[in-house]
Protein backbone atom coordinates (compact mmCIF):
# COMPACT_ATOMS: atom_id res chain seq x y z
CA MET A 1 92.86 56.53 79.71
CA PRO A 2 93.78 60.08 79.21
CA SER A 3 97.88 60.27 79.18
CA ILE A 4 99.76 61.85 82.06
CA GLN A 5 100.58 64.45 79.50
CA GLU A 6 97.00 65.43 77.98
CA LEU A 7 95.96 66.17 81.59
CA GLU A 8 99.52 67.91 82.76
CA ASN A 9 98.41 70.26 80.11
CA PHE A 10 94.88 70.39 80.80
CA ILE A 11 96.12 71.85 84.60
CA ILE A 12 98.06 74.35 82.18
CA TYR A 13 95.52 75.27 80.68
CA ALA A 14 93.19 75.46 83.55
CA LYS A 15 95.46 77.84 84.91
CA VAL A 16 95.32 80.45 82.38
CA GLN A 17 92.13 79.67 80.41
CA ASN A 18 94.30 80.45 76.76
CA PHE A 19 95.25 78.20 74.34
CA THR A 20 98.19 80.04 73.18
CA LEU A 21 99.87 80.98 76.56
CA ALA A 22 99.16 76.91 77.56
CA ALA A 23 100.73 75.91 74.43
CA ASN A 24 103.70 78.21 74.73
CA GLN A 25 103.95 76.86 78.56
CA ALA A 26 103.46 73.18 77.60
CA ASN A 27 106.32 73.87 75.15
CA ILE A 28 104.47 72.43 71.80
CA THR A 29 102.57 74.04 69.31
CA GLN A 30 99.16 75.79 69.53
CA SER A 31 97.49 73.20 67.36
CA ALA A 32 99.09 70.21 68.47
CA PHE A 33 98.08 71.42 71.85
CA SER A 34 94.46 71.70 71.31
CA PHE A 35 94.12 68.48 69.50
CA GLN A 36 95.27 67.15 72.98
CA MET A 37 92.52 69.10 74.53
CA LYS A 38 90.21 67.50 72.11
CA LYS A 39 91.35 64.63 72.55
CA LEU A 40 91.22 64.27 76.12
CA GLU A 41 87.18 65.28 76.31
CA GLU A 42 86.24 63.03 73.70
CA THR A 43 87.85 60.06 76.27
CA LEU A 44 86.50 61.33 79.23
CA GLY A 45 82.79 62.00 76.84
CA VAL A 46 82.84 65.53 78.76
CA LYS A 47 83.15 68.90 77.20
CA LEU A 48 85.68 70.55 79.49
CA ILE A 49 86.56 73.75 77.64
CA LEU A 50 83.91 76.05 75.65
CA ARG A 51 85.25 77.56 72.66
CA SER A 52 84.37 80.89 71.06
CA ASN A 53 85.45 83.60 68.94
CA ARG A 54 85.98 85.45 71.94
CA GLY A 55 88.61 83.42 73.40
CA SER A 56 87.86 80.24 75.44
CA GLN A 57 87.00 79.09 79.35
CA LEU A 58 86.40 76.14 81.15
CA THR A 59 83.29 74.85 81.48
CA LYS A 60 81.61 74.18 84.65
CA GLU A 61 82.39 70.23 84.60
CA GLY A 62 86.25 71.35 83.65
CA GLU A 63 86.26 73.12 86.49
CA VAL A 64 85.56 70.32 88.92
CA PHE A 65 87.80 68.37 86.83
CA TYR A 66 90.14 70.66 87.16
CA LYS A 67 90.19 70.92 91.22
CA ARG A 68 89.87 67.04 91.26
CA ILE A 69 92.94 66.11 88.68
CA ASN A 70 95.18 68.73 90.13
CA SER A 71 94.90 67.00 93.78
CA ILE A 72 95.41 63.64 92.39
CA LEU A 73 97.77 64.28 90.02
CA PRO A 74 100.95 65.21 91.25
CA GLU A 75 101.57 62.54 93.73
CA LEU A 76 100.73 59.96 90.92
CA VAL A 77 103.46 61.70 89.13
CA GLY A 78 105.51 62.02 91.86
CA THR A 79 104.68 58.23 92.71
CA ILE A 80 106.17 57.35 89.07
CA TYR A 81 109.44 59.13 89.77
CA ASN A 82 110.31 57.78 92.86
CA PHE A 83 110.30 54.48 91.22
CA GLN A 84 111.91 55.46 88.14
CA GLN A 85 114.76 56.61 90.38
CA ILE A 86 114.68 52.97 92.58
CA SER A 87 114.94 51.28 89.23
CA GLY A 88 117.60 53.52 87.72
CA GLU A 89 116.62 52.35 84.56
CA LYS A 90 115.24 56.12 83.23
CA PRO A 91 116.59 59.04 84.66
CA ILE A 92 114.56 61.65 85.98
CA GLU A 93 115.50 65.07 83.87
CA LEU A 94 115.98 68.06 86.46
CA LYS A 95 115.95 71.22 84.79
CA VAL A 96 117.84 73.79 86.26
CA GLY A 97 117.86 77.21 85.39
CA VAL A 98 120.78 80.07 86.06
CA LEU A 99 121.03 83.65 86.30
CA THR A 100 122.77 84.16 83.55
CA SER A 101 124.63 86.87 84.88
CA LEU A 102 125.32 84.59 88.16
CA GLY A 103 128.06 82.35 85.42
CA ASP A 104 126.07 79.10 84.05
CA ILE A 105 129.74 77.92 83.73
CA LEU A 106 129.43 77.21 87.63
CA MET A 107 127.07 74.42 87.13
CA ASN A 108 129.39 72.32 85.22
CA GLN A 109 130.67 70.83 88.93
CA TYR A 110 127.18 69.57 89.41
CA ILE A 111 126.71 67.48 85.92
CA ASP A 112 129.98 66.64 86.58
CA TYR A 113 129.35 64.78 89.46
CA PHE A 114 125.17 63.67 88.49
CA LYS A 115 126.77 62.18 85.37
CA ASN A 116 127.67 59.39 87.59
CA ASN A 117 124.36 58.98 88.77
CA LYS A 118 121.82 57.17 86.75
CA ASN A 119 118.71 58.24 88.24
CA ILE A 120 119.18 61.98 87.29
CA LEU A 121 119.76 63.95 84.84
CA ILE A 122 120.72 67.64 84.80
CA THR A 123 119.90 70.02 82.29
CA VAL A 124 121.07 73.37 82.46
CA TYR A 125 119.12 76.64 81.13
CA SER A 126 120.56 80.05 81.56
CA MET A 127 118.02 83.60 82.15
CA GLU A 128 117.38 86.62 83.40
CA LYS A 129 115.88 86.69 86.65
CA ASP A 130 111.98 87.32 85.28
CA ASP A 131 112.14 84.44 82.68
CA LEU A 132 113.51 82.24 85.61
CA ILE A 133 111.02 83.38 87.80
CA ARG A 134 108.52 82.83 85.45
CA SER A 135 109.64 79.18 83.75
CA LEU A 136 109.76 78.07 87.92
CA ASN A 137 106.33 79.27 87.76
CA ASN A 138 104.73 77.27 84.88
CA GLY A 139 106.89 74.07 85.51
CA LYS A 140 109.52 74.23 82.27
CA ILE A 141 112.02 74.23 84.67
CA ASP A 142 112.49 72.70 88.01
CA VAL A 143 115.10 74.17 90.24
CA VAL A 144 116.21 78.33 89.85
CA SER A 145 120.07 79.09 91.12
CA THR A 146 119.95 83.09 91.13
CA PHE A 147 121.07 85.84 93.04
CA LEU A 148 118.42 87.47 95.60
CA ALA A 149 117.31 91.27 96.30
CA SER A 150 117.85 91.08 100.42
CA ASP A 151 114.03 92.40 100.81
CA GLU A 152 112.39 90.25 97.68
CA ILE A 153 109.92 87.71 98.97
CA LEU A 154 108.72 84.83 96.76
CA ASP A 155 105.89 82.97 98.94
CA ASN A 156 105.20 80.51 95.86
CA PHE A 157 108.37 78.69 96.54
CA GLN A 158 110.99 77.38 98.73
CA LYS A 159 113.75 79.07 99.36
CA THR A 160 117.64 77.68 100.13
CA LEU A 161 120.61 79.95 100.80
CA PHE A 162 123.74 78.10 99.38
CA ARG A 163 126.26 80.22 99.01
CA VAL A 164 127.33 84.24 100.14
CA ASP A 165 128.85 85.48 96.76
CA LYS A 166 132.38 88.21 97.37
CA MET A 167 132.40 90.80 94.85
CA VAL A 168 136.15 92.20 93.73
CA TYR A 169 137.35 94.50 90.94
CA PHE A 170 138.55 92.87 87.67
CA ALA A 171 141.20 95.34 85.92
CA PRO A 172 144.07 93.56 84.47
CA ASN A 173 144.80 96.88 82.53
CA ILE A 174 144.85 99.28 85.13
CA LYS A 175 148.52 99.08 85.87
CA GLU A 176 148.70 101.89 88.97
CA ILE A 177 146.14 99.69 90.58
CA LYS A 178 148.41 97.14 93.21
CA SER A 179 146.08 95.85 95.94
CA LYS A 180 142.79 96.46 97.47
CA VAL A 181 140.51 99.05 95.52
CA LYS A 182 138.89 101.86 97.19
CA LEU A 183 135.22 103.01 95.62
CA GLU A 184 136.44 106.61 95.07
CA THR A 185 139.00 105.05 92.48
CA MET A 186 136.84 102.52 90.87
CA LEU A 187 134.65 105.86 90.04
CA LYS A 188 137.48 107.50 88.31
CA LYS A 189 138.65 104.65 86.05
CA PRO A 190 136.04 103.61 83.34
CA LEU A 191 133.25 100.93 84.41
CA VAL A 192 131.79 98.28 82.47
CA LYS A 193 128.53 97.15 83.94
CA TYR A 194 125.60 95.60 83.29
CA PRO A 195 122.87 97.64 81.93
CA PRO A 196 119.82 99.67 83.80
CA ASP A 197 117.64 97.05 83.44
CA ASN A 198 119.32 94.15 84.19
CA PHE A 199 118.82 92.32 87.67
CA ILE A 200 122.62 92.30 88.86
CA ASN A 201 122.40 96.07 88.14
CA LYS A 202 120.00 96.22 90.70
CA LEU A 203 121.72 94.68 93.05
CA ILE A 204 125.31 96.12 92.63
CA GLY A 205 123.93 99.61 91.99
CA PRO A 206 123.33 100.62 95.02
CA TYR A 207 127.21 99.80 96.33
CA PHE A 208 127.67 103.05 94.19
CA ASP A 209 124.79 105.21 95.21
CA SER A 210 126.61 105.79 98.02
CA ALA A 211 129.56 107.13 96.54
CA GLU A 212 128.72 111.47 95.28
CA ILE A 213 130.16 110.89 92.55
CA SER A 214 128.72 108.48 89.40
CA PRO A 215 131.11 105.78 87.76
CA ILE A 216 132.43 106.98 84.04
CA ILE A 217 130.52 104.28 82.16
CA ALA A 218 133.28 102.37 79.31
CA ALA A 219 130.48 100.31 78.35
CA GLN A 220 127.08 98.03 79.59
CA ILE A 221 126.94 94.74 78.64
CA SER A 222 124.65 91.87 80.11
CA SER A 223 126.77 89.06 79.92
CA PRO A 224 129.42 88.77 82.89
CA TYR A 225 131.79 86.36 80.31
CA ALA A 226 131.47 89.52 77.71
CA ILE A 227 132.12 92.08 80.28
CA ILE A 228 135.54 89.95 81.45
CA GLN A 229 136.43 89.55 78.06
CA TYR A 230 136.07 93.58 77.60
CA CYS A 231 138.21 94.44 80.52
CA LYS A 232 140.96 92.07 79.06
CA GLU A 233 140.82 93.47 75.77
CA ASN A 234 140.38 97.42 77.15
CA THR A 235 141.55 99.87 79.97
CA ALA A 236 138.62 99.18 81.97
CA GLY A 237 137.04 97.73 85.20
CA ALA A 238 134.19 95.87 86.27
CA ILE A 239 132.77 94.13 89.78
CA ILE A 240 132.56 90.62 89.10
CA THR A 241 131.63 87.78 91.59
CA GLU A 242 135.24 86.23 92.33
CA ARG A 243 133.74 82.76 92.31
CA LEU A 244 133.27 83.33 88.77
CA LEU A 245 136.84 84.70 88.03
CA ASN A 246 138.29 81.90 89.99
CA THR A 247 136.23 79.24 88.02
CA LEU A 248 137.41 80.64 84.85
CA GLY A 249 141.00 80.34 86.19
CA PHE A 250 141.48 83.81 87.20
CA SER A 251 143.59 84.93 90.17
CA CYS A 252 144.72 87.83 92.27
CA GLU A 253 147.72 87.85 89.87
CA ASP A 254 145.61 88.30 87.06
CA GLY A 255 144.02 91.77 87.85
CA TYR A 256 141.49 91.56 90.11
CA TYR A 257 141.25 93.56 93.60
CA ASN A 258 139.26 93.23 96.57
CA ILE A 259 136.89 96.00 97.16
CA GLU A 260 136.68 98.89 99.89
CA PRO A 261 133.88 98.88 101.72
CA PRO A 262 133.67 95.06 100.44
CA TYR A 263 130.60 93.99 98.92
CA SER A 264 128.60 90.63 98.33
CA ILE A 265 125.54 88.99 97.46
CA LYS A 266 123.44 86.31 98.33
CA ALA A 267 123.04 83.25 95.72
CA PHE A 268 119.84 80.96 96.61
CA LEU A 269 117.94 77.76 95.01
CA LEU A 270 114.35 78.02 94.20
CA TYR A 271 111.79 75.48 94.33
CA LYS A 272 108.46 74.22 94.33
CA LYS A 273 107.74 71.32 97.70
CA GLU A 274 105.17 70.36 95.33
CA ASN A 275 107.10 69.22 92.20
CA PRO A 276 106.52 65.56 91.90
CA LYS A 277 110.72 65.91 91.13
CA TYR A 278 110.85 67.12 94.84
CA ARG A 279 112.94 64.16 95.70
CA ALA A 280 115.35 64.27 93.03
CA ILE A 281 115.49 68.50 93.38
CA LYS A 282 116.01 67.72 97.48
CA LEU A 283 119.16 65.13 96.14
CA PHE A 284 120.41 67.95 93.89
CA ILE A 285 119.87 71.13 96.73
CA ASP A 286 121.59 68.98 99.43
CA TYR A 287 124.86 68.22 97.23
CA VAL A 288 125.19 71.83 96.34
CA ILE A 289 124.80 72.83 99.71
CA LYS A 290 127.50 70.25 101.01
CA LEU A 291 130.12 71.07 98.02
CA TYR A 292 130.01 75.15 99.43
CA ASN A 293 130.13 74.13 103.15
CA SER A 294 133.32 71.75 102.53
CA LYS A 295 134.87 74.77 101.03
C-alpha cells in the first residue's frame, strides 16, 4: 500500500501541478518528491502524472485518483491523529505561525501550558503576513496568529478574534513627555516605524494619515524587538502594542505612554476546519481564548 506521506504529497502536486512548487511545499528535495510520485505510480500500477520537457500535469487517471483520495485522506489522517491523542503515546505536532511584528515571545505562555500536555507539541514559526497565509494555505503550518485589517476577507480559513491590542507610544529617552501623548506631539519627535511594505505599517499608517503633517522618520525597522531596542538607545519614539512591552517587562514608568486619540488593532487565529488536526487546533484555540478572557 502507498504511504500516507506519498498520498499527501500527491495531493500537494495535484493542486499546483509543478514539481518544484510541490516539493517546496512538501519541504523535501525535488528529486525525493519525484521519487515518491514514481513509487506511488508503481504501487498503483497507473500513470498519474504526465511528464515532458514543457512541464508536467495530471493524467485523466491522476485527476480521478486525486478527487477520490482528496476526499478520503483527510478523514483517515484525522482518525489517526485522534487516536494518537487518546493514547497519549505520540504527541501531535501543532505548527503555529506568528506574525513577526506581533511578537512571537507572546507564544511562550502557550508553549509553557502545553508542555505538560502529552498529546500536543507546539512548534512556533515567526513570519511576515503573506508568508503566514501562504504557509497556512499549503499546509506547512496549522494555525496562524496575526493582526488583520478590518476590511480583510479570508474565505479559505476559519477566523477567530482572540484579543484587541492597545497601541502605546514607547519613548524612554524623550524626557519632556510626562503623561498621555497627543498625535501632534508624536509627529514633532523622531519616529521609528515599520518599513513601507510591512503589514503592520499598513495597519498603523492610517493613524498618522489623519494629521496634516508627516512624521519625522528616525528609522524603519521590521522587527518590534529591534524597534524597542532602537528607542532605548536613541531619542526617538515608536507605536508598539502595550501587551508586547508588558511581556518584555516594561511598565509605564519605563517610558511608554497612552496615545490620544487612542488606537488599537485586532488579533485573530486562522485555521482550516478540514485540517486533520482539527481537534488539537480546537483545543489550542479554546485555551488561547480562555487565557485572554480571564485577563
